[in-house]
Amino acid sequence: MRQPTKALILAAGFGTRFLPATKSIPKEMFPVVDKPVIQLIVEQAVASGVKDIIIVTSSNKHDIEDFFDRDDNMERLLRETGKPELADEIQKISEMANFIYIRQKGSPKGTARPILNCAHLIEDDEPFYVFFADDFYVTEGTPWPAQLCEAYNKTGKSVISMMEIDKKDADKYAIAVFGEKINDRVFQIMELIEKPGAENAKSNFASISGFLLTPDILPILEKIPVSPKGEIFLADGLNELAKKDKIYGCFVDGIRYDTGDKLLYIEAIVDIALKDDRFRDDLTKFLRDKIS
């Protein structure tokens, strides 16, 4: 079976929840300690065998392109001032993968639109990853995208990242109805119900960012109807695919961080910093002093 080597990162949103900061700084470039969110996603994808990173952007996202570009002047300055390790680090950023940038265009918008914008870059038999640009997993073992690929290699079908949630949060996610069990972490998805709310949720298992899709989703996305919100959604396309073929959900072994929400973004920074040997002791003392 052909293995995925391309990843689409959807980064065209305006980030209105973080205004006024996002008036000039893309939310994807917000730092988690010393790395922007989008770099953490790219690193996980590259560690899983991805060679081509396709980033779908909009008019105010030039900083993303600049970040993944080579900066010869900065590298030279760092080497001349005795900081070669930093020069090597920023050089590696541009060499992690082949970076491709697509400007989102067309209406109606929605999570299906940027995927359709990239359809010409996907070959007929080529599976590909899709990631939203504001949440990610940190894992101790197998990288998050590679876990999806393991499920894909077992099933040969599209695979979606899943997590268990509190039912009170069912108004924030697409909730899955499960069918056949493959193993303790992989299940067939019969249906995704978009943000049903606690009373109408048929499970407490939610679809989240991170998809390994087979190319047969693309003609379906071209024909899905516009939602009552005036947008076209990937979840609707996956539901149509589930009617024609099997799709699967994979519970990722790792810790998920959502940087698209202010409080959750702060929590992500604190949690990741506490895992870092450079900051753990001093930050722990600071937090204990603050709490006391």
Protein backbone atom coordinates (compact mmCIF):
# COMPACT_ATOMS: atom_id res chain seq x y z
CA MET A 1 0.00 0.00 0.00
CA ARG A 2 1.29 3.46 -0.86
CA GLN A 3 2.46 5.37 2.21
CA PRO A 4 1.59 9.03 2.92
CA THR A 5 4.40 11.53 2.25
CA LYS A 6 2.31 14.72 1.99
CA ALA A 7 0.66 16.69 4.78
CA LEU A 8 -1.79 19.56 4.39
CA ILE A 9 -1.77 22.09 7.22
CA LEU A 10 -4.83 24.35 7.21
CA ALA A 11 -3.63 27.80 8.26
CA ALA A 12 -5.89 30.29 6.50
CA GLY A 13 -8.07 31.34 9.45
CA PHE A 14 -7.97 34.85 10.88
CA GLY A 15 -7.55 33.78 14.51
CA THR A 16 -10.22 36.19 15.74
CA ARG A 17 -10.26 34.65 19.23
CA PHE A 18 -6.75 36.01 19.76
CA LEU A 19 -7.31 39.55 18.54
CA PRO A 20 -5.70 42.04 18.77
CA ALA A 21 -2.49 39.93 18.69
CA THR A 22 -3.52 38.17 15.46
CA LYS A 23 -3.94 41.49 13.68
CA SER A 24 -0.23 41.20 12.86
CA ILE A 25 0.90 37.76 14.12
CA PRO A 26 -0.60 34.57 12.65
CA LYS A 27 -1.95 32.38 15.45
CA GLU A 28 0.01 29.50 13.96
CA MET A 29 3.19 31.39 14.86
CA PHE A 30 2.31 31.80 18.54
CA PRO A 31 5.18 30.28 20.55
CA VAL A 32 4.85 27.27 22.79
CA VAL A 33 7.90 28.06 24.91
CA ASP A 34 10.41 28.61 22.07
CA LYS A 35 8.78 26.96 19.04
CA PRO A 36 5.72 28.17 17.13
CA VAL A 37 2.71 25.88 17.12
CA ILE A 38 3.01 25.09 13.42
CA GLN A 39 6.62 23.92 13.84
CA LEU A 40 5.52 21.35 16.41
CA ILE A 41 3.00 19.97 13.92
CA VAL A 42 5.57 19.90 11.12
CA GLU A 43 8.09 18.08 13.32
CA GLN A 44 5.54 15.35 14.14
CA ALA A 45 4.67 14.96 10.44
CA VAL A 46 8.31 14.77 9.34
CA ALA A 47 9.07 12.22 12.07
CA SER A 48 6.28 10.12 10.51
CA GLY A 49 7.78 10.08 7.02
CA VAL A 50 6.27 13.21 5.47
CA LYS A 51 8.42 14.84 2.78
CA ASP A 52 6.09 17.56 1.43
CA ILE A 53 4.41 20.04 3.77
CA ILE A 54 1.59 21.90 2.00
CA ILE A 55 0.45 24.91 4.03
CA VAL A 56 -2.81 26.59 3.03
CA THR A 57 -2.57 30.25 3.98
CA SER A 58 -4.31 33.59 3.50
CA SER A 59 -3.20 37.15 2.83
CA ASN A 60 -1.92 37.88 6.34
CA LYS A 61 0.24 34.77 6.77
CA HIS A 62 3.58 35.80 5.22
CA ASP A 63 5.31 35.20 8.57
CA ILE A 64 4.74 31.47 8.17
CA GLU A 65 6.54 31.41 4.83
CA ASP A 66 9.38 33.52 6.22
CA PHE A 67 9.79 31.22 9.21
CA PHE A 68 10.32 28.07 7.13
CA ASP A 69 12.58 29.88 4.67
CA ARG A 70 16.38 29.95 4.96
CA ASP A 71 17.77 33.08 6.69
CA ASP A 72 21.40 33.29 5.60
CA ASN A 73 22.01 36.63 7.30
CA MET A 74 20.85 35.41 10.70
CA GLU A 75 22.79 32.17 10.38
CA ARG A 76 25.95 34.09 9.48
CA LEU A 77 25.51 36.49 12.39
CA LEU A 78 25.00 33.66 14.85
CA ARG A 79 28.12 31.86 13.66
CA GLU A 80 30.18 35.05 13.78
CA THR A 81 29.05 35.76 17.34
CA GLY A 82 29.91 32.33 18.66
CA LYS A 83 26.47 30.72 18.56
CA PRO A 84 26.86 28.00 15.93
CA GLU A 85 24.40 25.66 17.67
CA LEU A 86 21.61 28.23 17.18
CA ALA A 87 22.64 28.73 13.56
CA ASP A 88 22.42 24.97 13.00
CA GLU A 89 19.00 24.85 14.65
CA ILE A 90 17.41 27.52 12.47
CA GLN A 91 19.04 26.07 9.35
CA LYS A 92 17.44 22.69 10.07
CA ILE A 93 13.99 24.30 10.16
CA SER A 94 14.13 25.12 6.46
CA GLU A 95 15.53 21.68 5.62
CA MET A 96 12.95 19.57 7.46
CA ALA A 97 10.76 19.13 4.38
CA ASN A 98 9.80 20.54 1.01
CA PHE A 99 7.46 23.44 1.86
CA ILE A 100 4.65 24.35 -0.52
CA TYR A 101 2.28 27.28 0.01
CA ILE A 102 -1.24 27.51 -1.37
CA ARG A 103 -3.43 30.61 -0.95
CA GLN A 104 -6.96 29.64 0.05
CA LYS A 105 -9.51 30.78 -2.49
CA GLY A 106 -13.09 30.10 -3.49
CA SER A 107 -16.49 30.02 -1.84
CA PRO A 108 -18.18 28.70 0.15
CA LYS A 109 -15.46 28.41 2.76
CA GLY A 110 -15.18 25.84 5.55
CA THR A 111 -12.80 23.01 6.45
CA ALA A 112 -13.31 21.31 3.07
CA ARG A 113 -12.28 24.36 1.04
CA PRO A 114 -8.51 24.33 1.68
CA ILE A 115 -8.40 20.59 0.97
CA LEU A 116 -10.06 21.18 -2.40
CA ASN A 117 -7.54 23.96 -3.08
CA CYS A 118 -4.78 21.32 -2.76
CA ALA A 119 -6.51 18.53 -4.70
CA HIS A 120 -4.33 19.04 -7.79
CA LEU A 121 -1.25 18.17 -5.70
CA ILE A 122 -2.62 14.77 -4.63
CA GLU A 123 -2.18 11.78 -6.95
CA ASP A 124 -5.00 9.33 -7.65
CA ASP A 125 -3.65 6.59 -5.36
CA GLU A 126 -2.01 8.81 -2.76
CA PRO A 127 -3.09 8.95 0.90
CA PHE A 128 -2.38 12.27 2.62
CA TYR A 129 -2.50 13.86 6.05
CA VAL A 130 -4.62 16.87 7.01
CA PHE A 131 -3.91 18.89 10.15
CA PHE A 132 -5.48 21.99 11.61
CA ALA A 133 -2.78 24.46 12.56
CA ASP A 134 -3.71 25.12 16.19
CA ASP A 135 -3.69 21.75 17.92
CA PHE A 136 -1.28 18.86 18.17
CA TYR A 137 -0.22 15.84 20.22
CA VAL A 138 2.96 15.25 22.18
CA THR A 139 3.84 11.56 22.38
CA GLU A 140 6.57 9.64 24.17
CA GLY A 141 6.76 6.86 21.60
CA THR A 142 5.35 6.67 18.08
CA PRO A 143 4.65 10.14 16.63
CA TRP A 144 1.00 11.11 16.38
CA PRO A 145 0.70 10.96 12.53
CA ALA A 146 2.55 7.64 12.46
CA GLN A 147 -0.09 6.20 14.79
CA LEU A 148 -2.73 7.14 12.22
CA CYS A 149 -0.58 5.50 9.56
CA GLU A 150 -0.41 2.28 11.56
CA ALA A 151 -4.22 2.21 11.60
CA TYR A 152 -4.29 2.98 7.87
CA ASN A 153 -1.93 0.08 7.16
CA LYS A 154 -4.26 -2.25 9.10
CA THR A 155 -7.42 -1.07 7.35
CA GLY A 156 -6.43 0.51 4.03
CA LYS A 157 -9.00 3.24 4.72
CA SER A 158 -9.18 6.86 5.89
CA VAL A 159 -8.35 7.33 9.58
CA ILE A 160 -9.36 10.14 11.95
CA SER A 161 -7.76 11.14 15.27
CA MET A 162 -10.13 10.50 18.15
CA MET A 163 -10.24 11.31 21.85
CA GLU A 164 -12.59 10.72 24.75
CA ILE A 165 -14.28 13.88 26.07
CA ASP A 166 -16.68 14.89 28.80
CA LYS A 167 -20.17 14.84 27.29
CA LYS A 168 -20.75 18.41 28.43
CA ASP A 169 -18.22 19.41 25.76
CA ALA A 170 -20.10 17.66 22.96
CA ASP A 171 -21.14 21.04 21.59
CA LYS A 172 -17.50 21.70 20.59
CA TYR A 173 -16.69 18.62 18.52
CA ALA A 174 -17.92 16.18 15.90
CA ILE A 175 -19.05 13.14 17.89
CA ALA A 176 -18.52 9.64 16.48
CA VAL A 177 -20.87 6.68 16.31
CA PHE A 178 -18.69 3.55 16.32
CA GLY A 179 -19.09 0.22 14.54
CA GLU A 180 -16.59 -2.61 14.13
CA LYS A 181 -13.69 -2.78 16.59
CA ILE A 182 -10.26 -3.47 15.04
CA ASN A 183 -8.30 -3.28 18.30
CA ASP A 184 -8.40 -1.32 21.54
CA ARG A 185 -7.50 1.93 19.73
CA VAL A 186 -9.04 1.60 16.25
CA PHE A 187 -12.77 1.49 15.48
CA GLN A 188 -14.93 1.84 12.41
CA ILE A 189 -16.82 5.14 12.32
CA MET A 190 -20.41 4.85 11.14
CA GLU A 191 -21.25 8.54 11.46
CA LEU A 192 -19.91 11.87 12.69
CA ILE A 193 -22.46 14.20 14.27
CA GLU A 194 -21.26 17.79 14.31
CA LYS A 195 -21.52 19.50 17.72
CA PRO A 196 -24.69 17.73 18.90
CA GLY A 197 -24.56 18.96 22.51
CA ALA A 198 -24.61 16.77 25.61
CA GLU A 199 -28.28 15.75 25.34
CA ASN A 200 -28.01 14.54 21.74
CA ALA A 201 -24.50 13.06 21.79
CA LYS A 202 -24.53 9.34 20.97
CA SER A 203 -21.10 8.83 22.52
CA ASN A 204 -18.36 10.79 24.26
CA PHE A 205 -15.82 10.09 21.52
CA ALA A 206 -14.82 13.14 19.50
CA SER A 207 -13.11 13.65 16.16
CA ILE A 208 -10.23 16.08 16.46
CA SER A 209 -7.50 17.52 14.28
CA GLY A 210 -5.43 14.95 12.46
CA PHE A 211 -6.67 12.96 9.48
CA LEU A 212 -5.06 10.42 7.18
CA LEU A 213 -7.30 10.49 4.13
CA THR A 214 -7.49 8.38 1.02
CA PRO A 215 -7.92 10.33 -2.23
CA ASP A 216 -11.47 9.06 -2.76
CA ILE A 217 -12.56 11.80 -0.35
CA LEU A 218 -11.72 14.50 -2.92
CA PRO A 219 -14.58 13.99 -5.44
CA ILE A 220 -16.96 13.72 -2.48
CA LEU A 221 -15.82 17.09 -1.11
CA GLU A 222 -16.43 18.65 -4.50
CA LYS A 223 -20.11 17.73 -4.27
CA ILE A 224 -21.05 18.08 -0.60
CA PRO A 225 -23.91 20.49 0.05
CA VAL A 226 -23.41 23.81 1.77
CA SER A 227 -24.20 23.64 5.49
CA PRO A 228 -26.76 25.92 7.20
CA LYS A 229 -23.75 28.00 8.27
CA GLY A 230 -22.95 28.67 4.62
CA GLU A 231 -19.78 26.54 4.64
CA ILE A 232 -18.60 23.15 3.37
CA PHE A 233 -17.20 20.86 6.04
CA LEU A 234 -14.77 17.94 5.94
CA ALA A 235 -16.96 16.09 8.48
CA ASP A 236 -19.86 16.10 6.00
CA GLY A 237 -17.59 14.64 3.34
CA LEU A 238 -16.40 11.94 5.74
CA ASN A 239 -20.01 11.01 6.49
CA GLU A 240 -20.66 10.57 2.78
CA LEU A 241 -17.51 8.48 2.46
CA ALA A 242 -18.65 6.32 5.41
CA LYS A 243 -21.86 5.52 3.52
CA LYS A 244 -19.90 4.25 0.50
CA ASP A 245 -16.89 2.72 2.22
CA LYS A 246 -15.38 2.19 5.67
CA ILE A 247 -13.56 4.90 7.62
CA TYR A 248 -11.88 4.49 10.98
CA GLY A 249 -11.10 6.40 14.14
CA CYS A 250 -7.84 6.01 16.04
CA PHE A 251 -7.39 6.97 19.68
CA VAL A 252 -3.96 8.62 19.78
CA ASP A 253 -1.55 7.57 22.53
CA GLY A 254 -0.28 10.95 23.75
CA ILE A 255 -1.28 14.30 25.21
CA ARG A 256 -3.34 16.64 23.06
CA TYR A 257 -2.87 20.39 23.23
CA ASP A 258 -5.33 22.91 21.78
CA THR A 259 -3.81 26.34 21.18
CA GLY A 260 -6.92 27.76 19.50
CA ASP A 261 -8.42 28.73 22.87
CA LYS A 262 -6.79 31.32 25.16
CA LEU A 263 -6.90 29.33 28.38
CA LEU A 264 -5.94 26.06 26.71
CA TYR A 265 -3.04 27.82 25.00
CA ILE A 266 -1.74 29.03 28.37
CA GLU A 267 -2.17 25.52 29.79
CA ALA A 268 -0.21 24.05 26.86
CA ILE A 269 2.72 26.39 27.46
CA VAL A 270 2.82 25.64 31.17
CA ASP A 271 2.49 21.88 30.74
CA ILE A 272 5.16 21.63 28.05
CA ALA A 273 7.52 23.93 29.98
CA LEU A 274 7.13 21.71 33.05
CA LYS A 275 8.35 18.77 30.95
CA ASP A 276 11.45 20.71 29.87
CA ASP A 277 14.60 20.19 31.96
CA ARG A 278 15.61 23.82 31.35
CA PHE A 279 12.55 25.23 33.12
CA ARG A 280 10.99 22.50 35.25
CA ASP A 281 12.47 23.29 38.67
CA ASP A 282 12.26 27.09 38.52
CA LEU A 283 8.78 27.07 36.99
CA THR A 284 7.52 24.57 39.56
CA LYS A 285 8.79 26.78 42.37
CA PHE A 286 7.22 29.85 40.78
CA LEU A 287 3.83 28.17 40.40
CA ARG A 288 3.87 26.82 43.94
CA ASP A 289 4.73 30.25 45.31
CA LYS A 290 1.93 31.84 43.29
CA ILE A 291 -0.65 29.29 44.38
CA SER A 292 0.33 29.49 48.03
